[in-house]
Amino acid sequence: MIPARALPTHETRDKRIRIESPGTTRDALGELVPGWTHFATVWAWMEDASGREYVAAGATQASTLTRIVIDYLPGVVANMRIVHGADTYNIENVLGQDRRKLELMCKRLA
């Protein structure tokens, strides 16, 4: 019999992220314009899942898919975005809605 062992915790939520939802804001003239509004600020674990380079319109483009894990938070949907430091990520899919954690598959914006 193989003895049980403790598995390493690889999903330590050590990054502070801001989740934003699409909305409207006011510009300098006071008019409503499309923008982003604060939804929540939470702790997360982040990992680049894949990356690729491709040529579009004659220029090399890069695309990175990032997996972000947070504690369960109702209302998080695929049209939202994540801001972490200077990086912004569009949420492509929300996985594992088991009311314990959410896995957000995100595309990093250049």
N, C-alpha and C. Protein backbone atom coordinates (compact mmCIF):
# COMPACT_ATOMS: atom_id res chain seq x y z
N MET A 1 0.84 -1.18 0.00
CA MET A 1 0.00 0.00 0.00
C MET A 1 0.89 1.24 0.00
N ILE A 2 0.54 2.20 -0.83
CA ILE A 2 1.29 3.45 -0.91
C ILE A 2 0.71 4.42 0.12
N PRO A 3 1.57 4.98 0.99
CA PRO A 3 1.05 5.90 2.00
C PRO A 3 0.55 7.20 1.38
N ALA A 4 -0.45 7.77 2.00
CA ALA A 4 -0.98 9.06 1.54
C ALA A 4 0.04 10.15 1.82
N ARG A 5 0.08 11.14 0.97
CA ARG A 5 0.99 12.26 1.18
C ARG A 5 0.25 13.56 0.93
N ALA A 6 0.73 14.57 1.55
CA ALA A 6 0.10 15.89 1.37
C ALA A 6 0.50 16.43 0.00
N LEU A 7 -0.47 16.90 -0.74
CA LEU A 7 -0.19 17.50 -2.05
C LEU A 7 0.18 18.96 -1.87
N PRO A 8 1.12 19.45 -2.67
CA PRO A 8 1.48 20.86 -2.54
C PRO A 8 0.34 21.77 -2.96
N THR A 9 0.21 22.87 -2.29
CA THR A 9 -0.81 23.85 -2.66
C THR A 9 -0.21 24.76 -3.72
N HIS A 10 -0.58 24.53 -4.96
CA HIS A 10 -0.03 25.32 -6.06
C HIS A 10 -0.93 26.48 -6.45
N GLU A 11 -2.07 26.58 -5.83
CA GLU A 11 -2.98 27.66 -6.16
C GLU A 11 -3.07 28.67 -5.03
N THR A 12 -1.94 29.08 -4.48
CA THR A 12 -1.92 30.09 -3.43
C THR A 12 -2.36 31.43 -4.03
N ARG A 13 -3.38 31.97 -3.47
CA ARG A 13 -3.91 33.24 -3.99
C ARG A 13 -3.10 34.39 -3.41
N ASP A 14 -2.07 34.79 -4.15
CA ASP A 14 -1.12 35.79 -3.66
C ASP A 14 -1.05 37.04 -4.53
N LYS A 15 -1.95 37.16 -5.50
CA LYS A 15 -1.99 38.34 -6.37
C LYS A 15 -3.30 39.09 -6.12
N ARG A 16 -3.19 40.39 -5.97
CA ARG A 16 -4.39 41.23 -5.77
C ARG A 16 -4.84 41.70 -7.14
N ILE A 17 -6.08 41.37 -7.52
CA ILE A 17 -6.60 41.76 -8.83
C ILE A 17 -7.88 42.56 -8.68
N ARG A 18 -8.17 43.34 -9.71
CA ARG A 18 -9.42 44.11 -9.76
C ARG A 18 -10.25 43.55 -10.91
N ILE A 19 -11.51 43.22 -10.63
CA ILE A 19 -12.43 42.76 -11.66
C ILE A 19 -13.31 43.94 -12.04
N GLU A 20 -13.40 44.19 -13.34
CA GLU A 20 -14.20 45.31 -13.84
C GLU A 20 -15.27 44.79 -14.80
N SER A 21 -16.40 45.48 -14.80
CA SER A 21 -17.49 45.12 -15.71
C SER A 21 -17.73 46.27 -16.68
N PRO A 22 -18.22 45.95 -17.88
CA PRO A 22 -18.49 47.02 -18.83
C PRO A 22 -19.60 47.92 -18.31
N GLY A 23 -19.47 49.18 -18.57
CA GLY A 23 -20.46 50.14 -18.12
C GLY A 23 -20.24 51.46 -18.82
N THR A 24 -20.70 52.51 -18.20
CA THR A 24 -20.51 53.84 -18.77
C THR A 24 -19.85 54.73 -17.72
N THR A 25 -19.05 55.65 -18.21
CA THR A 25 -18.41 56.65 -17.35
C THR A 25 -18.63 58.02 -17.99
N ARG A 26 -18.28 59.04 -17.27
CA ARG A 26 -18.42 60.40 -17.82
C ARG A 26 -17.06 60.90 -18.27
N ASP A 27 -17.03 61.52 -19.45
CA ASP A 27 -15.78 62.08 -19.96
C ASP A 27 -15.59 63.49 -19.40
N ALA A 28 -14.57 64.20 -19.88
CA ALA A 28 -14.25 65.54 -19.39
C ALA A 28 -15.38 66.54 -19.61
N LEU A 29 -16.23 66.27 -20.61
CA LEU A 29 -17.35 67.17 -20.90
C LEU A 29 -18.62 66.76 -20.14
N GLY A 30 -18.53 65.69 -19.36
CA GLY A 30 -19.68 65.23 -18.59
C GLY A 30 -20.62 64.32 -19.36
N GLU A 31 -20.23 63.92 -20.57
CA GLU A 31 -21.08 63.04 -21.37
C GLU A 31 -20.78 61.58 -21.04
N LEU A 32 -21.81 60.74 -21.16
CA LEU A 32 -21.64 59.32 -20.90
C LEU A 32 -20.92 58.66 -22.07
N VAL A 33 -19.88 57.89 -21.76
CA VAL A 33 -19.12 57.16 -22.77
C VAL A 33 -18.93 55.73 -22.26
N PRO A 34 -18.78 54.76 -23.19
CA PRO A 34 -18.53 53.39 -22.76
C PRO A 34 -17.22 53.31 -21.97
N GLY A 35 -17.21 52.51 -20.93
CA GLY A 35 -16.02 52.37 -20.10
C GLY A 35 -16.14 51.15 -19.21
N TRP A 36 -15.38 51.14 -18.12
CA TRP A 36 -15.35 50.02 -17.20
C TRP A 36 -15.64 50.51 -15.79
N THR A 37 -16.40 49.71 -15.04
CA THR A 37 -16.71 50.05 -13.66
C THR A 37 -16.18 48.95 -12.73
N HIS A 38 -15.81 49.33 -11.52
CA HIS A 38 -15.27 48.39 -10.54
C HIS A 38 -16.35 47.40 -10.13
N PHE A 39 -16.02 46.10 -10.16
CA PHE A 39 -16.93 45.04 -9.72
C PHE A 39 -16.47 44.47 -8.38
N ALA A 40 -15.17 44.12 -8.29
CA ALA A 40 -14.64 43.56 -7.04
C ALA A 40 -13.12 43.59 -7.08
N THR A 41 -12.51 43.61 -5.89
CA THR A 41 -11.06 43.45 -5.74
C THR A 41 -10.86 42.22 -4.88
N VAL A 42 -10.12 41.23 -5.41
CA VAL A 42 -9.98 39.94 -4.74
C VAL A 42 -8.55 39.43 -4.86
N TRP A 43 -8.23 38.40 -4.05
CA TRP A 43 -6.95 37.71 -4.14
C TRP A 43 -7.08 36.60 -5.18
N ALA A 44 -6.00 36.37 -5.94
CA ALA A 44 -6.04 35.38 -7.02
C ALA A 44 -4.71 34.66 -7.17
N TRP A 45 -4.78 33.52 -7.85
CA TRP A 45 -3.60 32.78 -8.28
C TRP A 45 -3.60 32.86 -9.80
N MET A 46 -2.45 33.16 -10.41
CA MET A 46 -2.37 33.36 -11.85
C MET A 46 -1.30 32.48 -12.46
N GLU A 47 -1.59 31.96 -13.67
CA GLU A 47 -0.64 31.12 -14.39
C GLU A 47 -0.88 31.29 -15.89
N ASP A 48 0.20 31.55 -16.64
CA ASP A 48 0.08 31.58 -18.10
C ASP A 48 -0.11 30.15 -18.57
N ALA A 49 -1.24 29.89 -19.24
CA ALA A 49 -1.57 28.53 -19.67
C ALA A 49 -1.00 28.22 -21.05
N SER A 50 -0.99 29.21 -21.93
CA SER A 50 -0.44 29.00 -23.27
C SER A 50 -0.14 30.35 -23.90
N GLY A 51 0.67 30.31 -24.94
CA GLY A 51 0.99 31.52 -25.68
C GLY A 51 1.30 31.17 -27.12
N ARG A 52 1.09 32.13 -28.01
CA ARG A 52 1.41 31.90 -29.41
C ARG A 52 1.70 33.22 -30.08
N GLU A 53 2.42 33.13 -31.18
CA GLU A 53 2.67 34.29 -32.02
C GLU A 53 2.12 34.00 -33.39
N TYR A 54 1.59 35.02 -34.04
CA TYR A 54 1.05 34.85 -35.38
C TYR A 54 1.19 36.16 -36.13
N VAL A 55 1.05 36.10 -37.45
CA VAL A 55 1.17 37.29 -38.28
C VAL A 55 -0.23 37.70 -38.71
N ALA A 56 -0.57 38.94 -38.44
CA ALA A 56 -1.86 39.50 -38.85
C ALA A 56 -1.61 40.90 -39.37
N ALA A 57 -2.17 41.20 -40.52
CA ALA A 57 -2.02 42.52 -41.15
C ALA A 57 -0.55 42.89 -41.32
N GLY A 58 0.27 41.87 -41.62
CA GLY A 58 1.68 42.13 -41.90
C GLY A 58 2.55 42.36 -40.68
N ALA A 59 2.00 42.20 -39.49
CA ALA A 59 2.78 42.43 -38.27
C ALA A 59 2.66 41.21 -37.36
N THR A 60 3.72 40.95 -36.61
CA THR A 60 3.70 39.83 -35.66
C THR A 60 2.88 40.21 -34.44
N GLN A 61 1.93 39.35 -34.10
CA GLN A 61 1.07 39.56 -32.94
C GLN A 61 1.34 38.44 -31.93
N ALA A 62 1.09 38.71 -30.67
CA ALA A 62 1.25 37.70 -29.63
C ALA A 62 -0.06 37.55 -28.87
N SER A 63 -0.35 36.33 -28.47
CA SER A 63 -1.56 36.05 -27.72
C SER A 63 -1.20 35.14 -26.55
N THR A 64 -1.60 35.51 -25.34
CA THR A 64 -1.32 34.71 -24.15
C THR A 64 -2.62 34.39 -23.44
N LEU A 65 -2.83 33.10 -23.17
CA LEU A 65 -3.99 32.66 -22.41
C LEU A 65 -3.54 32.46 -20.97
N THR A 66 -4.20 33.13 -20.03
CA THR A 66 -3.82 33.07 -18.62
C THR A 66 -4.97 32.49 -17.81
N ARG A 67 -4.63 31.58 -16.91
CA ARG A 67 -5.62 30.98 -16.00
C ARG A 67 -5.53 31.72 -14.68
N ILE A 68 -6.66 32.25 -14.21
CA ILE A 68 -6.73 32.98 -12.96
C ILE A 68 -7.76 32.28 -12.07
N VAL A 69 -7.34 31.92 -10.86
CA VAL A 69 -8.23 31.23 -9.92
C VAL A 69 -8.53 32.16 -8.76
N ILE A 70 -9.83 32.30 -8.45
CA ILE A 70 -10.29 33.12 -7.32
C ILE A 70 -11.28 32.31 -6.51
N ASP A 71 -11.54 32.75 -5.28
CA ASP A 71 -12.62 32.16 -4.51
C ASP A 71 -13.93 32.46 -5.21
N TYR A 72 -14.93 31.60 -5.00
CA TYR A 72 -16.21 31.77 -5.66
C TYR A 72 -16.76 33.17 -5.42
N LEU A 73 -17.22 33.80 -6.49
CA LEU A 73 -17.79 35.14 -6.42
C LEU A 73 -18.95 35.20 -7.41
N PRO A 74 -20.19 35.27 -6.92
CA PRO A 74 -21.33 35.32 -7.84
C PRO A 74 -21.29 36.56 -8.71
N GLY A 75 -21.74 36.40 -9.96
CA GLY A 75 -21.85 37.54 -10.86
C GLY A 75 -20.69 37.72 -11.82
N VAL A 76 -19.62 36.94 -11.69
CA VAL A 76 -18.48 37.05 -12.61
C VAL A 76 -18.87 36.36 -13.91
N VAL A 77 -18.78 37.09 -15.03
CA VAL A 77 -19.16 36.56 -16.34
C VAL A 77 -18.09 36.87 -17.37
N ALA A 78 -18.25 36.28 -18.55
CA ALA A 78 -17.21 36.33 -19.58
C ALA A 78 -17.02 37.70 -20.25
N ASN A 79 -17.88 38.66 -20.05
CA ASN A 79 -17.66 39.96 -20.70
C ASN A 79 -16.90 40.94 -19.80
N MET A 80 -16.43 40.47 -18.65
CA MET A 80 -15.69 41.31 -17.72
C MET A 80 -14.20 41.27 -18.04
N ARG A 81 -13.44 42.06 -17.29
CA ARG A 81 -11.99 42.04 -17.46
C ARG A 81 -11.31 42.08 -16.10
N ILE A 82 -10.02 41.70 -16.11
CA ILE A 82 -9.18 41.68 -14.91
C ILE A 82 -8.07 42.70 -15.10
N VAL A 83 -7.76 43.45 -14.05
CA VAL A 83 -6.62 44.36 -14.06
C VAL A 83 -5.69 43.94 -12.93
N HIS A 84 -4.42 43.67 -13.30
CA HIS A 84 -3.40 43.30 -12.31
C HIS A 84 -2.16 44.12 -12.64
N GLY A 85 -1.88 45.10 -11.81
CA GLY A 85 -0.75 46.00 -12.09
C GLY A 85 -0.99 46.72 -13.40
N ALA A 86 -0.01 46.65 -14.31
CA ALA A 86 -0.14 47.30 -15.62
C ALA A 86 -0.78 46.39 -16.66
N ASP A 87 -1.09 45.14 -16.29
CA ASP A 87 -1.65 44.18 -17.25
C ASP A 87 -3.17 44.13 -17.16
N THR A 88 -3.80 43.97 -18.33
CA THR A 88 -5.25 43.84 -18.43
C THR A 88 -5.56 42.54 -19.16
N TYR A 89 -6.56 41.82 -18.67
CA TYR A 89 -6.96 40.52 -19.23
C TYR A 89 -8.46 40.53 -19.50
N ASN A 90 -8.86 40.09 -20.68
CA ASN A 90 -10.28 39.89 -20.97
C ASN A 90 -10.66 38.49 -20.50
N ILE A 91 -11.76 38.38 -19.76
CA ILE A 91 -12.23 37.06 -19.33
C ILE A 91 -12.92 36.40 -20.52
N GLU A 92 -12.38 35.26 -20.96
CA GLU A 92 -12.94 34.51 -22.09
C GLU A 92 -13.95 33.46 -21.62
N ASN A 93 -13.63 32.75 -20.53
CA ASN A 93 -14.50 31.70 -19.98
C ASN A 93 -14.44 31.71 -18.47
N VAL A 94 -15.56 31.36 -17.84
CA VAL A 94 -15.63 31.20 -16.39
C VAL A 94 -15.94 29.72 -16.15
N LEU A 95 -14.98 29.01 -15.51
CA LEU A 95 -15.08 27.57 -15.33
C LEU A 95 -15.20 27.19 -13.86
N GLY A 96 -15.72 26.00 -13.61
CA GLY A 96 -15.75 25.44 -12.26
C GLY A 96 -16.64 26.17 -11.30
N GLN A 97 -17.81 26.47 -11.71
CA GLN A 97 -18.72 27.20 -10.83
C GLN A 97 -19.33 26.25 -9.81
N ASP A 98 -18.48 25.75 -8.91
CA ASP A 98 -18.91 24.79 -7.89
C ASP A 98 -19.15 25.46 -6.54
N ARG A 99 -19.19 26.77 -6.54
CA ARG A 99 -19.40 27.58 -5.33
C ARG A 99 -18.25 27.50 -4.34
N ARG A 100 -17.06 27.01 -4.80
CA ARG A 100 -15.86 27.03 -3.97
C ARG A 100 -14.80 27.93 -4.60
N LYS A 101 -14.61 27.79 -5.92
CA LYS A 101 -13.64 28.61 -6.62
C LYS A 101 -14.09 28.81 -8.05
N LEU A 102 -13.56 29.83 -8.69
CA LEU A 102 -13.79 30.09 -10.10
C LEU A 102 -12.45 30.05 -10.82
N GLU A 103 -12.41 29.42 -11.98
CA GLU A 103 -11.25 29.45 -12.83
C GLU A 103 -11.59 30.32 -14.02
N LEU A 104 -10.88 31.40 -14.16
CA LEU A 104 -11.13 32.36 -15.23
C LEU A 104 -10.08 32.17 -16.31
N MET A 105 -10.49 31.82 -17.50
CA MET A 105 -9.57 31.69 -18.62
C MET A 105 -9.60 33.05 -19.33
N CYS A 106 -8.42 33.70 -19.34
CA CYS A 106 -8.34 35.08 -19.78
C CYS A 106 -7.31 35.26 -20.88
N LYS A 107 -7.55 36.25 -21.72
CA LYS A 107 -6.60 36.61 -22.77
C LYS A 107 -5.96 37.93 -22.37
N ARG A 108 -4.62 37.91 -22.29
CA ARG A 108 -3.90 39.12 -21.90
C ARG A 108 -3.89 40.11 -23.07
N LEU A 109 -4.20 41.35 -22.79
CA LEU A 109 -4.19 42.40 -23.81
C LEU A 109 -2.79 42.99 -23.91
N ALA A 110 -2.41 43.36 -25.11
CA ALA A 110 -1.07 43.93 -25.31
C ALA A 110 -0.99 45.35 -24.81
